[in-house]
C-alpha cells in the first residue's frame, strides 16, 4: 500500500546571481547500465563551502539533454558509496568508468526525457572514496557539507543558458536523499538565503531522523520513496515526517517488503561491512525489488510532469 499526498504548485525560482564555473575542455564518453552511450562534460562546480577563502571545487559531470534548449535540469546527489564506480568495475564495456551504475542509469533515463543532468562528487575533493563503512559519528563529511554542495550546484545549473531556471530539481539516494532534505530545509539560514529555489525534490530511502527531530520544513515540493523493510535507513521516521508536513505537502511512496536500494537491478544481499542501521553491528540488507524499481520510475516521471510540465 502506498501513501500519496497532494503537492502544491511551487513559486518561480529566485533571481540568479551566480555565474557558471569554468568547465574543463575535455569530454568523456561513459556507458550507462542500459547500454546507452552518454556524453558527459567534465566540469568543476563550486560548493558554497569555503576553505582558505576559496570555494571547495567539486568534480561534476554535466549531461546536456540532446537538442534541448531552455529545458529542465536535475541535480543528482550520490549516496554514501559516492558518485564514482568501484575500482575495476566494468560498465558497458568500459573499465574504470568514472561514474557509478546508478548515476549513469538515471542520467540516461532523464536525458531521454529531455532533462539536463548534473552529477557532483562530494567525497573525493575531501579525501574520501566512500562513507558507508564509517560509523555515523565518525564521518568527516556531514550533511552540512552536502547542503552547501547542493546549494552551490543549484546556482551553477541556474546560471547555464540552456537550463530553464523555473524547472530545476533535486534527486538523491540514501545519504544523498538526506542531502535533499538538508538542502530544502526552509528553517536553515543557508537554504533561506539561496537565490535558487528548486521546483521539486525527490529523495529515495533517505535517513529522516535528523529532519524529524529538528522540525524540518520544506522549501520545495518533496516526494520520498521508501522501502518498508529497509533496515539501514528505516521508513518510520520518513512516514512521521511526511505526516507532519503540510505546506508544501510532502508525498510519501511506500513499498512493502522492499529493502534499501530497491531501485537497483542487483539482488538483495546482506552487507556486514556497514556498522550502522537498525541493528548496528548486524549488517544491513541492500538490493533491488523489480516491482518497486519499475513503479518508482513511474512515480518519478509523474512527479516531474506535475512540476516541470510536458513531456
C-alpha atoms as a PDB file:
ATOM      1  CA  UNK A   1       0.000   0.000   0.000  1.00  0.00           C
ATOM      2  CA  UNK A   2       1.392   3.386  -0.947  1.00  0.00           C
ATOM      3  CA  UNK A   3       0.678   6.690   0.730  1.00  0.00           C
ATOM      4  CA  UNK A   4       0.418   9.660  -1.597  1.00  0.00           C
ATOM      5  CA  UNK A   5      -0.222  13.255  -0.633  1.00  0.00           C
ATOM      6  CA  UNK A   6      -1.058  16.162  -2.965  1.00  0.00           C
ATOM      7  CA  UNK A   7       1.717  18.518  -3.984  1.00  0.00           C
ATOM      8  CA  UNK A   8       1.187  22.263  -4.015  1.00  0.00           C
ATOM      9  CA  UNK A   9       2.334  24.265  -7.017  1.00  0.00           C
ATOM     10  CA  UNK A  10       5.686  25.920  -6.336  1.00  0.00           C
ATOM     11  CA  UNK A  11       6.835  29.509  -6.723  1.00  0.00           C
ATOM     12  CA  UNK A  12       9.087  30.698  -9.576  1.00  0.00           C
ATOM     13  CA  UNK A  13      12.777  30.373  -8.880  1.00  0.00           C
ATOM     14  CA  UNK A  14      14.574  33.348  -7.432  1.00  0.00           C
ATOM     15  CA  UNK A  15      16.740  35.707  -9.455  1.00  0.00           C
ATOM     16  CA  UNK A  16      20.112  34.201 -10.193  1.00  0.00           C
ATOM     17  CA  UNK A  17      23.312  35.946  -9.140  1.00  0.00           C
ATOM     18  CA  UNK A  18      25.696  33.038  -9.656  1.00  0.00           C
ATOM     19  CA  UNK A  19      27.912  32.686 -12.693  1.00  0.00           C
ATOM     20  CA  UNK A  20      28.813  29.485 -14.473  1.00  0.00           C
ATOM     21  CA  UNK A  21      32.019  27.924 -13.229  1.00  0.00           C
ATOM     22  CA  UNK A  22      34.716  27.232 -15.793  1.00  0.00           C
ATOM     23  CA  UNK A  23      34.234  23.869 -17.453  1.00  0.00           C
ATOM     24  CA  UNK A  24      37.005  21.550 -18.463  1.00  0.00           C
ATOM     25  CA  UNK A  25      37.627  21.384 -22.189  1.00  0.00           C
ATOM     26  CA  UNK A  26      37.608  17.606 -22.314  1.00  0.00           C
ATOM     27  CA  UNK A  27      34.507  15.495 -22.884  1.00  0.00           C
ATOM     28  CA  UNK A  28      34.337  11.908 -21.718  1.00  0.00           C
ATOM     29  CA  UNK A  29      32.107   9.172 -23.086  1.00  0.00           C
ATOM     30  CA  UNK A  30      30.594   6.861 -20.479  1.00  0.00           C
ATOM     31  CA  UNK A  31      28.356   3.818 -20.666  1.00  0.00           C
ATOM     32  CA  UNK A  32      25.066   3.563 -18.753  1.00  0.00           C
ATOM     33  CA  UNK A  33      23.703   0.334 -17.332  1.00  0.00           C
ATOM     34  CA  UNK A  34      21.025   0.295 -20.020  1.00  0.00           C
ATOM     35  CA  UNK A  35      23.938   0.178 -22.534  1.00  0.00           C
ATOM     36  CA  UNK A  36      23.071   3.604 -23.945  1.00  0.00           C
ATOM     37  CA  UNK A  37      26.041   5.800 -24.796  1.00  0.00           C
ATOM     38  CA  UNK A  38      26.156   9.056 -22.871  1.00  0.00           C
ATOM     39  CA  UNK A  39      28.361  12.088 -23.309  1.00  0.00           C
ATOM     40  CA  UNK A  40      29.313  13.873 -20.095  1.00  0.00           C
ATOM     41  CA  UNK A  41      31.165  17.164 -19.972  1.00  0.00           C
ATOM     42  CA  UNK A  42      33.588  17.129 -17.042  1.00  0.00           C
ATOM     43  CA  UNK A  43      33.139  20.366 -15.124  1.00  0.00           C
ATOM     44  CA  UNK A  44      34.191  21.971 -11.864  1.00  0.00           C
ATOM     45  CA  UNK A  45      31.308  23.070  -9.665  1.00  0.00           C
ATOM     46  CA  UNK A  46      31.941  25.462  -6.740  1.00  0.00           C
ATOM     47  CA  UNK A  47      30.443  24.444  -3.427  1.00  0.00           C
ATOM     48  CA  UNK A  48      29.259  27.172  -1.090  1.00  0.00           C
ATOM     49  CA  UNK A  49      31.734  25.775   1.449  1.00  0.00           C
ATOM     50  CA  UNK A  50      34.891  27.864   1.550  1.00  0.00           C
ATOM     51  CA  UNK A  51      38.307  26.678   2.685  1.00  0.00           C
ATOM     52  CA  UNK A  52      41.082  29.230   2.980  1.00  0.00           C
ATOM     53  CA  UNK A  53      38.841  31.844   1.437  1.00  0.00           C
ATOM     54  CA  UNK A  54      38.173  29.833  -1.739  1.00  0.00           C
ATOM     55  CA  UNK A  55      35.172  27.645  -2.563  1.00  0.00           C
ATOM     56  CA  UNK A  56      35.651  23.888  -2.492  1.00  0.00           C
ATOM     57  CA  UNK A  57      35.758  22.736  -6.108  1.00  0.00           C
ATOM     58  CA  UNK A  58      33.599  19.692  -6.797  1.00  0.00           C
ATOM     59  CA  UNK A  59      34.167  17.382  -9.758  1.00  0.00           C
ATOM     60  CA  UNK A  60      30.989  17.428 -11.815  1.00  0.00           C
ATOM     61  CA  UNK A  61      29.580  15.582 -14.794  1.00  0.00           C
ATOM     62  CA  UNK A  62      27.187  17.578 -16.960  1.00  0.00           C
ATOM     63  CA  UNK A  63      24.874  15.606 -19.253  1.00  0.00           C
ATOM     64  CA  UNK A  64      23.105  18.032 -21.612  1.00  0.00           C
ATOM     65  CA  UNK A  65      19.799  16.763 -22.930  1.00  0.00           C
ATOM     66  CA  UNK A  66      20.090  16.101 -26.685  1.00  0.00           C
ATOM     67  CA  UNK A  67      18.892  19.091 -28.704  1.00  0.00           C
ATOM     68  CA  UNK A  68      17.247  20.701 -25.704  1.00  0.00           C
ATOM     69  CA  UNK A  69      17.210  24.445 -25.108  1.00  0.00           C
ATOM     70  CA  UNK A  70      15.723  26.081 -22.023  1.00  0.00           C
ATOM     71  CA  UNK A  71      14.998  22.623 -20.653  1.00  0.00           C
ATOM     72  CA  UNK A  72      14.533  21.344 -17.091  1.00  0.00           C
ATOM     73  CA  UNK A  73      17.561  20.086 -15.166  1.00  0.00           C
ATOM     74  CA  UNK A  74      18.088  17.677 -12.303  1.00  0.00           C
ATOM     75  CA  UNK A  75      20.935  17.604  -9.779  1.00  0.00           C
ATOM     76  CA  UNK A  76      21.825  14.032  -8.793  1.00  0.00           C
ATOM     77  CA  UNK A  77      23.179  13.547  -5.250  1.00  0.00           C
ATOM     78  CA  UNK A  78      25.001  10.271  -4.641  1.00  0.00           C
ATOM     79  CA  UNK A  79      24.711   8.077  -1.578  1.00  0.00           C
ATOM     80  CA  UNK A  80      27.397   7.081   0.912  1.00  0.00           C
ATOM     81  CA  UNK A  81      29.097   4.976  -1.747  1.00  0.00           C
ATOM     82  CA  UNK A  82      29.981   8.094  -3.707  1.00  0.00           C
ATOM     83  CA  UNK A  83      29.396   9.121  -7.304  1.00  0.00           C
ATOM     84  CA  UNK A  84      32.195   7.015  -8.779  1.00  0.00           C
ATOM     85  CA  UNK A  85      32.207   3.401  -9.874  1.00  0.00           C
ATOM     86  CA  UNK A  86      34.143   0.947  -7.700  1.00  0.00           C
ATOM     87  CA  UNK A  87      37.707   0.458  -8.871  1.00  0.00           C
ATOM     88  CA  UNK A  88      37.963  -2.118 -11.628  1.00  0.00           C
ATOM     89  CA  UNK A  89      34.208  -2.265 -12.276  1.00  0.00           C
ATOM     90  CA  UNK A  90      33.300  -2.871 -15.902  1.00  0.00           C
ATOM     91  CA  UNK A  91      30.318  -0.823 -17.039  1.00  0.00           C
ATOM     92  CA  UNK A  92      29.032  -1.495 -20.564  1.00  0.00           C
ATOM     93  CA  UNK A  93      32.486  -2.497 -21.773  1.00  0.00           C
ATOM     94  CA  UNK A  94      34.379   0.434 -20.198  1.00  0.00           C
ATOM     95  CA  UNK A  95      36.702  -0.442 -17.340  1.00  0.00           C
ATOM     96  CA  UNK A  96      37.180   2.111 -14.600  1.00  0.00           C
ATOM     97  CA  UNK A  97      34.185   4.129 -15.812  1.00  0.00           C
ATOM     98  CA  UNK A  98      34.169   7.351 -13.777  1.00  0.00           C
ATOM     99  CA  UNK A  99      30.581   7.245 -12.566  1.00  0.00           C
ATOM    100  CA  UNK A 100      28.586   4.592 -10.748  1.00  0.00           C
ATOM    101  CA  UNK A 101      25.996   2.491 -12.489  1.00  0.00           C
ATOM    102  CA  UNK A 102      23.146   4.283 -10.699  1.00  0.00           C
ATOM    103  CA  UNK A 103      24.348   7.748 -11.736  1.00  0.00           C
ATOM    104  CA  UNK A 104      24.752   6.661 -15.367  1.00  0.00           C
ATOM    105  CA  UNK A 105      21.443   4.835 -15.399  1.00  0.00           C
ATOM    106  CA  UNK A 106      19.448   7.824 -14.172  1.00  0.00           C
ATOM    107  CA  UNK A 107      21.408  10.297 -16.316  1.00  0.00           C
ATOM    108  CA  UNK A 108      20.485   8.294 -19.393  1.00  0.00           C
ATOM    109  CA  UNK A 109      16.872   7.854 -18.326  1.00  0.00           C
ATOM    110  CA  UNK A 110      16.408  11.555 -17.607  1.00  0.00           C
ATOM    111  CA  UNK A 111      18.266  12.676 -20.722  1.00  0.00           C
ATOM    112  CA  UNK A 112      15.990  10.547 -22.886  1.00  0.00           C
ATOM    113  CA  UNK A 113      13.108  12.579 -21.455  1.00  0.00           C
ATOM    114  CA  UNK A 114      14.640  15.939 -22.303  1.00  0.00           C
ATOM    115  CA  UNK A 115      16.123  16.716 -18.891  1.00  0.00           C
ATOM    116  CA  UNK A 116      19.663  18.030 -18.376  1.00  0.00           C
ATOM    117  CA  UNK A 117      21.575  16.252 -15.602  1.00  0.00           C
ATOM    118  CA  UNK A 118      24.392  17.317 -13.289  1.00  0.00           C
ATOM    119  CA  UNK A 119      26.173  14.770 -11.087  1.00  0.00           C
ATOM    120  CA  UNK A 120      28.523  16.130  -8.421  1.00  0.00           C
ATOM    121  CA  UNK A 121      31.115  14.283  -6.345  1.00  0.00           C
ATOM    122  CA  UNK A 122      31.140  15.447  -2.719  1.00  0.00           C
ATOM    123  CA  UNK A 123      33.652  12.880  -1.450  1.00  0.00           C
ATOM    124  CA  UNK A 124      36.900  12.796  -3.415  1.00  0.00           C
ATOM    125  CA  UNK A 125      37.644  16.544  -3.070  1.00  0.00           C
ATOM    126  CA  UNK A 126      37.588  15.941   0.686  1.00  0.00           C
ATOM    127  CA  UNK A 127      39.791  12.860   0.571  1.00  0.00           C
ATOM    128  CA  UNK A 128      37.109  10.179   0.843  1.00  0.00           C
ATOM    129  CA  UNK A 129      36.027   7.408  -1.520  1.00  0.00           C
ATOM    130  CA  UNK A 130      33.019   6.163   0.460  1.00  0.00           C
ATOM    131  CA  UNK A 131      31.251   6.668   3.793  1.00  0.00           C
ATOM    132  CA  UNK A 132      29.138   3.529   4.081  1.00  0.00           C
ATOM    133  CA  UNK A 133      31.611   1.593   6.224  1.00  0.00           C
ATOM    134  CA  UNK A 134      32.174   4.513   8.614  1.00  0.00           C
ATOM    135  CA  UNK A 135      30.197   4.934  11.814  1.00  0.00           C
ATOM    136  CA  UNK A 136      27.821   7.890  11.727  1.00  0.00           C
ATOM    137  CA  UNK A 137      29.513   9.827  14.493  1.00  0.00           C
ATOM    138  CA  UNK A 138      32.966   9.382  12.937  1.00  0.00           C
ATOM    139  CA  UNK A 139      32.277  10.682   9.440  1.00  0.00           C
ATOM    140  CA  UNK A 140      34.222  13.787   8.413  1.00  0.00           C
ATOM    141  CA  UNK A 141      31.739  14.592   5.641  1.00  0.00           C
ATOM    142  CA  UNK A 142      28.353  15.531   7.026  1.00  0.00           C
ATOM    143  CA  UNK A 143      25.031  16.820   5.769  1.00  0.00           C
ATOM    144  CA  UNK A 144      26.325  20.351   6.403  1.00  0.00           C
ATOM    145  CA  UNK A 145      28.847  19.746   3.594  1.00  0.00           C
ATOM    146  CA  UNK A 146      26.253  18.119   1.357  1.00  0.00           C
ATOM    147  CA  UNK A 147      23.865  21.058   1.836  1.00  0.00           C
ATOM    148  CA  UNK A 148      26.495  23.584   0.771  1.00  0.00           C
ATOM    149  CA  UNK A 149      27.465  21.418  -2.188  1.00  0.00           C
ATOM    150  CA  UNK A 150      23.873  21.109  -3.366  1.00  0.00           C
ATOM    151  CA  UNK A 151      23.144  24.816  -2.995  1.00  0.00           C
ATOM    152  CA  UNK A 152      26.287  25.693  -4.938  1.00  0.00           C
ATOM    153  CA  UNK A 153      25.397  23.219  -7.682  1.00  0.00           C
ATOM    154  CA  UNK A 154      21.871  24.631  -7.968  1.00  0.00           C
ATOM    155  CA  UNK A 155      23.351  28.066  -8.640  1.00  0.00           C
ATOM    156  CA  UNK A 156      25.767  26.588 -11.169  1.00  0.00           C
ATOM    157  CA  UNK A 157      22.915  24.966 -13.092  1.00  0.00           C
ATOM    158  CA  UNK A 158      20.659  28.008 -12.896  1.00  0.00           C
ATOM    159  CA  UNK A 159      23.349  30.163 -14.494  1.00  0.00           C
ATOM    160  CA  UNK A 160      23.543  27.970 -17.599  1.00  0.00           C
ATOM    161  CA  UNK A 161      21.643  29.430 -20.571  1.00  0.00           C
ATOM    162  CA  UNK A 162      20.255  26.051 -21.654  1.00  0.00           C
ATOM    163  CA  UNK A 163      18.569  25.485 -18.285  1.00  0.00           C
ATOM    164  CA  UNK A 164      15.068  26.712 -17.501  1.00  0.00           C
ATOM    165  CA  UNK A 165      15.617  28.177 -14.032  1.00  0.00           C
ATOM    166  CA  UNK A 166      11.948  27.604 -13.169  1.00  0.00           C
ATOM    167  CA  UNK A 167      12.383  23.845 -13.688  1.00  0.00           C
ATOM    168  CA  UNK A 168      15.338  22.685 -11.624  1.00  0.00           C
ATOM    169  CA  UNK A 169      15.062  19.683  -9.330  1.00  0.00           C
ATOM    170  CA  UNK A 170      16.989  17.675  -6.735  1.00  0.00           C
ATOM    171  CA  UNK A 171      17.241  13.890  -6.778  1.00  0.00           C
ATOM    172  CA  UNK A 172      19.184  11.900  -4.180  1.00  0.00           C
ATOM    173  CA  UNK A 173      19.608   8.412  -2.762  1.00  0.00           C
ATOM    174  CA  UNK A 174      20.225   7.386   0.871  1.00  0.00           C
ATOM    175  CA  UNK A 175      22.932   9.787   2.143  1.00  0.00           C
ATOM    176  CA  UNK A 176      22.124  11.855  -0.934  1.00  0.00           C
ATOM    177  CA  UNK A 177      18.429  11.611  -0.102  1.00  0.00           C
ATOM    178  CA  UNK A 178      19.231  13.066   3.304  1.00  0.00           C
ATOM    179  CA  UNK A 179      21.186  15.756   1.452  1.00  0.00           C
ATOM    180  CA  UNK A 180      17.995  16.571  -0.454  1.00  0.00           C
ATOM    181  CA  UNK A 181      16.273  17.138   2.886  1.00  0.00           C
ATOM    182  CA  UNK A 182      19.191  19.238   4.165  1.00  0.00           C
ATOM    183  CA  UNK A 183      19.200  21.393   1.011  1.00  0.00           C
ATOM    184  CA  UNK A 184      15.438  22.039   1.197  1.00  0.00           C
ATOM    185  CA  UNK A 185      15.099  22.825   4.904  1.00  0.00           C
ATOM    186  CA  UNK A 186      13.373  26.202   4.850  1.00  0.00           C
ATOM    187  CA  UNK A 187      14.313  26.738   8.503  1.00  0.00           C
ATOM    188  CA  UNK A 188      18.034  26.672   7.748  1.00  0.00           C
ATOM    189  CA  UNK A 189      19.552  30.116   7.052  1.00  0.00           C
ATOM    190  CA  UNK A 190      21.710  28.833   4.171  1.00  0.00           C
ATOM    191  CA  UNK A 191      18.639  27.469   2.423  1.00  0.00           C
ATOM    192  CA  UNK A 192      16.594  30.583   3.162  1.00  0.00           C
ATOM    193  CA  UNK A 193      19.343  32.753   1.653  1.00  0.00           C
ATOM    194  CA  UNK A 194      19.709  30.701  -1.535  1.00  0.00           C
ATOM    195  CA  UNK A 195      18.874  32.612  -4.748  1.00  0.00           C
ATOM    196  CA  UNK A 196      17.716  29.367  -6.397  1.00  0.00           C
ATOM    197  CA  UNK A 197      14.593  27.500  -5.323  1.00  0.00           C
ATOM    198  CA  UNK A 198      14.117  24.008  -6.812  1.00  0.00           C
ATOM    199  CA  UNK A 199      10.769  23.242  -8.360  1.00  0.00           C
ATOM    200  CA  UNK A 200      10.840  19.730  -6.925  1.00  0.00           C
ATOM    201  CA  UNK A 201      12.868  17.470  -4.665  1.00  0.00           C
ATOM    202  CA  UNK A 202      12.962  13.666  -4.682  1.00  0.00           C
ATOM    203  CA  UNK A 203      14.590  11.501  -2.009  1.00  0.00           C
ATOM    204  CA  UNK A 204      14.986   7.735  -2.343  1.00  0.00           C
ATOM    205  CA  UNK A 205      15.209   5.966   1.043  1.00  0.00           C
ATOM    206  CA  UNK A 206      16.676   8.947   2.940  1.00  0.00           C
ATOM    207  CA  UNK A 207      17.593   9.000   6.582  1.00  0.00           C
ATOM    208  CA  UNK A 208      14.800  11.133   8.078  1.00  0.00           C
ATOM    209  CA  UNK A 209      15.597  11.048  11.790  1.00  0.00           C
ATOM    210  CA  UNK A 210      17.581  14.294  11.888  1.00  0.00           C
ATOM    211  CA  UNK A 211      14.965  16.177   9.869  1.00  0.00           C
ATOM    212  CA  UNK A 212      12.185  14.846  12.100  1.00  0.00           C
ATOM    213  CA  UNK A 213      13.997  15.826  15.310  1.00  0.00           C
ATOM    214  CA  UNK A 214      14.915  19.315  14.064  1.00  0.00           C
ATOM    215  CA  UNK A 215      11.497  20.458  12.849  1.00  0.00           C
ATOM    216  CA  UNK A 216      12.425  20.293   9.166  1.00  0.00           C
ATOM    217  CA  UNK A 217      10.202  22.418   6.934  1.00  0.00           C
ATOM    218  CA  UNK A 218      10.319  22.007   3.127  1.00  0.00           C
ATOM    219  CA  UNK A 219      11.290  24.833   0.792  1.00  0.00           C
ATOM    220  CA  UNK A 220      10.095  22.819  -2.220  1.00  0.00           C
ATOM    221  CA  UNK A 221       7.534  20.115  -3.019  1.00  0.00           C
ATOM    222  CA  UNK A 222       9.057  16.814  -1.936  1.00  0.00           C
ATOM    223  CA  UNK A 223       8.492  13.173  -2.817  1.00  0.00           C
ATOM    224  CA  UNK A 224      10.095  10.449  -0.694  1.00  0.00           C
ATOM    225  CA  UNK A 225      10.215   6.818  -1.826  1.00  0.00           C
ATOM    226  CA  UNK A 226      10.914   4.272   0.917  1.00  0.00           C
ATOM    227  CA  UNK A 227      11.022   0.519   1.435  1.00  0.00           C
ATOM    228  CA  UNK A 228       9.055  -0.724   4.434  1.00  0.00           C
ATOM    229  CA  UNK A 229      11.648  -3.472   5.057  1.00  0.00           C
ATOM    230  CA  UNK A 230      14.599  -1.033   4.996  1.00  0.00           C
ATOM    231  CA  UNK A 231      16.904  -1.872   7.919  1.00  0.00           C
ATOM    232  CA  UNK A 232      19.554   0.733   7.002  1.00  0.00           C
ATOM    233  CA  UNK A 233      17.544   3.966   6.862  1.00  0.00           C
ATOM    234  CA  UNK A 234      14.191   2.825   8.273  1.00  0.00           C
ATOM    235  CA  UNK A 235      10.973   4.123   6.792  1.00  0.00           C
ATOM    236  CA  UNK A 236       9.316   5.008  10.122  1.00  0.00           C
ATOM    237  CA  UNK A 237      10.874   8.461  10.605  1.00  0.00           C
ATOM    238  CA  UNK A 238      10.062   9.343   6.981  1.00  0.00           C
ATOM    239  CA  UNK A 239       6.449   8.339   7.491  1.00  0.00           C
ATOM    240  CA  UNK A 240       6.291  10.557  10.571  1.00  0.00           C
ATOM    241  CA  UNK A 241       7.953  13.432   8.731  1.00  0.00           C
ATOM    242  CA  UNK A 242       5.548  13.233   5.793  1.00  0.00           C
ATOM    243  CA  UNK A 243       2.561  13.090   8.126  1.00  0.00           C
ATOM    244  CA  UNK A 244       3.679  16.230   9.966  1.00  0.00           C
ATOM    245  CA  UNK A 245       4.449  18.460   6.981  1.00  0.00           C
ATOM    246  CA  UNK A 246       1.536  20.261   5.368  1.00  0.00           C
ATOM    247  CA  UNK A 247       2.955  23.224   3.397  1.00  0.00           C
ATOM    248  CA  UNK A 248       4.090  22.417   0.815  1.00  0.00           C
ATOM    249  CA  UNK A 249       2.635  18.947   1.196  1.00  0.00           C
ATOM    250  CA  UNK A 250       5.052  16.028   1.078  1.00  0.00           C
ATOM    251  CA  UNK A 251       4.327  12.899  -0.934  1.00  0.00           C
ATOM    252  CA  UNK A 252       5.374   9.555   0.502  1.00  0.00           C
ATOM    253  CA  UNK A 253       5.510   6.378  -1.606  1.00  0.00           C
ATOM    254  CA  UNK A 254       5.964   3.139   0.345  1.00  0.00           C
ATOM    255  CA  UNK A 255       6.970  -0.277  -0.956  1.00  0.00           C
ATOM    256  CA  UNK A 256       6.067  -3.223   1.298  1.00  0.00           C
ATOM    257  CA  UNK A 257       8.834  -5.793   1.597  1.00  0.00           C
ATOM    258  CA  UNK A 258      11.383  -3.623  -0.210  1.00  0.00           C
ATOM    259  CA  UNK A 259      14.846  -3.051   1.204  1.00  0.00           C
ATOM    260  CA  UNK A 260      17.372  -0.231   0.890  1.00  0.00           C
ATOM    261  CA  UNK A 261      18.357   0.274  -2.747  1.00  0.00           C
ATOM    262  CA  UNK A 262      15.130  -1.175  -4.116  1.00  0.00           C
ATOM    263  CA  UNK A 263      15.613   0.697  -7.419  1.00  0.00           C
ATOM    264  CA  UNK A 264      18.776  -1.309  -8.140  1.00  0.00           C
ATOM    265  CA  UNK A 265      18.916  -4.207 -10.579  1.00  0.00           C
ATOM    266  CA  UNK A 266      21.154  -6.166  -8.221  1.00  0.00           C
ATOM    267  CA  UNK A 267      19.782  -8.920  -5.941  1.00  0.00           C
ATOM    268  CA  UNK A 268      19.288  -8.328  -2.232  1.00  0.00           C
ATOM    269  CA  UNK A 269      22.348  -9.099  -0.123  1.00  0.00           C
ATOM    270  CA  UNK A 270      23.446  -8.615   3.485  1.00  0.00           C
ATOM    271  CA  UNK A 271      26.211  -6.044   3.905  1.00  0.00           C
ATOM    272  CA  UNK A 272      28.043  -6.913   7.090  1.00  0.00           C
ATOM    273  CA  UNK A 273      30.601  -4.142   6.493  1.00  0.00           C
ATOM    274  CA  UNK A 274      28.072  -1.433   7.319  1.00  0.00           C
ATOM    275  CA  UNK A 275      28.239  -0.585  11.050  1.00  0.00           C
ATOM    276  CA  UNK A 276      25.052   1.494  11.122  1.00  0.00           C
ATOM    277  CA  UNK A 277      21.403   0.669  10.572  1.00  0.00           C
ATOM    278  CA  UNK A 278      18.520  -0.543  12.704  1.00  0.00           C
ATOM    279  CA  UNK A 279      20.694  -3.175  14.438  1.00  0.00           C
ATOM    280  CA  UNK A 280      24.258  -1.772  14.473  1.00  0.00           C
ATOM    281  CA  UNK A 281      26.855  -4.485  14.028  1.00  0.00           C
ATOM    282  CA  UNK A 282      24.454  -6.967  12.426  1.00  0.00           C
ATOM    283  CA  UNK A 283      24.649  -5.596   8.910  1.00  0.00           C
ATOM    284  CA  UNK A 284      22.006  -4.224   6.567  1.00  0.00           C
ATOM    285  CA  UNK A 285      20.124  -5.589   3.560  1.00  0.00           C
ATOM    286  CA  UNK A 286      20.600  -3.880   0.208  1.00  0.00           C
ATOM    287  CA  UNK A 287      19.214  -4.752  -3.196  1.00  0.00           C
ATOM    288  CA  UNK A 288      16.603  -4.363  -5.861  1.00  0.00           C
ATOM    289  CA  UNK A 289      12.913  -5.099  -5.996  1.00  0.00           C
ATOM    290  CA  UNK A 290      11.776  -5.295  -9.642  1.00  0.00           C
ATOM    291  CA  UNK A 291       8.212  -4.134  -8.966  1.00  0.00           C
ATOM    292  CA  UNK A 292       9.337  -1.273  -6.728  1.00  0.00           C
ATOM    293  CA  UNK A 293      12.017  -0.261  -9.233  1.00  0.00           C
ATOM    294  CA  UNK A 294       9.509  -0.077 -12.078  1.00  0.00           C
ATOM    295  CA  UNK A 295       6.890   1.756 -10.065  1.00  0.00           C
ATOM    296  CA  UNK A 296       9.400   4.242  -8.633  1.00  0.00           C
ATOM    297  CA  UNK A 297      10.332   5.274 -12.170  1.00  0.00           C
ATOM    298  CA  UNK A 298       6.672   5.863 -12.938  1.00  0.00           C
ATOM    299  CA  UNK A 299       6.265   7.874  -9.738  1.00  0.00           C
ATOM    300  CA  UNK A 300       9.326   9.971 -10.585  1.00  0.00           C
ATOM    301  CA  UNK A 301       8.109  10.609 -14.125  1.00  0.00           C
ATOM    302  CA  UNK A 302       4.644  11.593 -12.903  1.00  0.00           C
ATOM    303  CA  UNK A 303       6.084  13.952 -10.282  1.00  0.00           C
ATOM    304  CA  UNK A 304       8.337  15.628 -12.851  1.00  0.00           C
ATOM    305  CA  UNK A 305       5.408  16.093 -15.214  1.00  0.00           C
ATOM    306  CA  UNK A 306       3.417  17.702 -12.428  1.00  0.00           C
ATOM    307  CA  UNK A 307       6.202  20.099 -11.526  1.00  0.00           C
ATOM    308  CA  UNK A 308       8.004  20.572 -14.861  1.00  0.00           C
ATOM    309  CA  UNK A 309       5.120  20.119 -17.284  1.00  0.00           C
ATOM    310  CA  UNK A 310       5.315  18.206 -20.585  1.00  0.00           C
ATOM    311  CA  UNK A 311       6.830  15.982 -21.722  1.00  0.00           C
END
